[in-house]
């Protein structure tokens, strides 16, 4: 049974049969369970793996990065490719 399902069942039970203190505790536990990130199904060698994804802050280009990429790009297409490569480098 998942933590979310367990918390939901406890909240329902507390609402139906518990006092105010039990209801408040059950609602708190349910909210905590709802905030947790669910595992994500990925595959490795054809077998499912479950993991939680990390949240990372996006890192953009600095003005210096953009100027440097622009200087070394002969065409707009090369500039766009350079930007894409630099962003991938900074965010992986």
Protein backbone atom coordinates (compact mmCIF):
# COMPACT_ATOMS: atom_id res chain seq x y z
CA UNK A 1 0.00 0.00 0.00
CA UNK A 2 1.35 3.41 -0.92
CA UNK A 3 1.89 6.14 1.65
CA UNK A 4 -0.70 8.29 -0.10
CA UNK A 5 -3.33 5.56 -0.05
CA UNK A 6 -2.58 4.78 3.60
CA UNK A 7 -2.83 8.46 4.55
CA UNK A 8 -6.10 8.81 2.64
CA UNK A 9 -7.61 5.77 4.38
CA UNK A 10 -6.51 7.08 7.77
CA UNK A 11 -7.99 10.50 6.99
CA UNK A 12 -11.32 8.95 5.99
CA UNK A 13 -11.36 6.82 9.14
CA UNK A 14 -10.56 9.85 11.34
CA UNK A 15 -13.24 11.96 9.68
CA UNK A 16 -15.86 9.23 10.07
CA UNK A 17 -15.01 8.10 13.61
CA UNK A 18 -12.37 10.32 15.20
CA UNK A 19 -12.36 13.46 17.23
CA UNK A 20 -11.05 16.86 16.16
CA UNK A 21 -7.49 16.04 17.20
CA UNK A 22 -7.41 12.79 15.19
CA UNK A 23 -8.99 14.53 12.18
CA UNK A 24 -6.41 17.30 12.24
CA UNK A 25 -3.55 14.79 12.48
CA UNK A 26 -4.97 12.70 9.64
CA UNK A 27 -5.42 15.74 7.40
CA UNK A 28 -1.82 16.78 8.14
CA UNK A 29 -0.52 13.31 7.19
CA UNK A 30 -2.58 13.33 4.01
CA UNK A 31 -1.20 16.71 3.00
CA UNK A 32 2.35 15.49 3.64
CA UNK A 33 1.74 12.40 1.48
CA UNK A 34 0.32 14.55 -1.33
CA UNK A 35 3.44 16.72 -1.37
CA UNK A 36 5.81 13.78 -1.80
CA UNK A 37 6.99 13.18 -5.33
CA UNK A 38 5.81 9.84 -6.70
CA UNK A 39 8.39 7.45 -8.12
CA UNK A 40 8.88 7.57 -11.86
CA UNK A 41 9.03 4.40 -13.94
CA UNK A 42 12.17 4.13 -16.05
CA UNK A 43 13.60 1.17 -17.92
CA UNK A 44 17.04 -0.41 -17.82
CA UNK A 45 17.67 -3.60 -19.76
CA UNK A 46 13.94 -3.99 -20.37
CA UNK A 47 13.14 -4.08 -16.64
CA UNK A 48 11.24 -1.29 -14.89
CA UNK A 49 13.09 0.76 -12.29
CA UNK A 50 11.42 3.22 -9.98
CA UNK A 51 13.19 6.37 -8.90
CA UNK A 52 12.30 9.86 -7.81
CA UNK A 53 13.39 12.71 -10.02
CA UNK A 54 15.56 15.43 -8.61
CA UNK A 55 14.44 18.95 -9.12
CA UNK A 56 17.23 21.12 -10.41
CA UNK A 57 17.27 24.82 -10.85
CA UNK A 58 17.60 25.86 -14.48
CA UNK A 59 20.95 27.45 -15.32
CA UNK A 60 20.84 29.91 -18.18
CA UNK A 61 23.55 31.61 -20.17
CA UNK A 62 25.39 34.59 -18.82
CA UNK A 63 25.90 37.62 -21.00
CA UNK A 64 29.56 36.64 -21.33
CA UNK A 65 28.57 33.13 -22.49
CA UNK A 66 26.27 34.56 -25.14
CA UNK A 67 28.89 37.03 -26.39
CA UNK A 68 31.53 34.30 -26.60
CA UNK A 69 29.21 31.96 -28.50
CA UNK A 70 28.20 34.75 -30.87
CA UNK A 71 31.82 35.67 -31.62
CA UNK A 72 32.74 32.13 -32.62
CA UNK A 73 29.63 31.45 -34.72
CA UNK A 74 29.76 32.19 -38.45
CA UNK A 75 26.02 31.74 -39.05
CA UNK A 76 22.80 32.03 -37.08
CA UNK A 77 22.44 28.24 -37.31
CA UNK A 78 25.87 27.71 -35.70
CA UNK A 79 24.96 30.25 -33.02
CA UNK A 80 21.72 28.38 -32.24
CA UNK A 81 23.59 25.05 -32.08
CA UNK A 82 26.23 26.56 -29.80
CA UNK A 83 23.55 27.93 -27.46
CA UNK A 84 21.84 24.54 -27.30
CA UNK A 85 25.11 22.74 -26.56
CA UNK A 86 26.10 25.24 -23.87
CA UNK A 87 22.70 24.98 -22.14
CA UNK A 88 22.87 21.18 -22.21
CA UNK A 89 26.36 21.34 -20.71
CA UNK A 90 25.23 23.63 -17.89
CA UNK A 91 22.03 21.71 -17.08
CA UNK A 92 23.09 18.05 -17.17
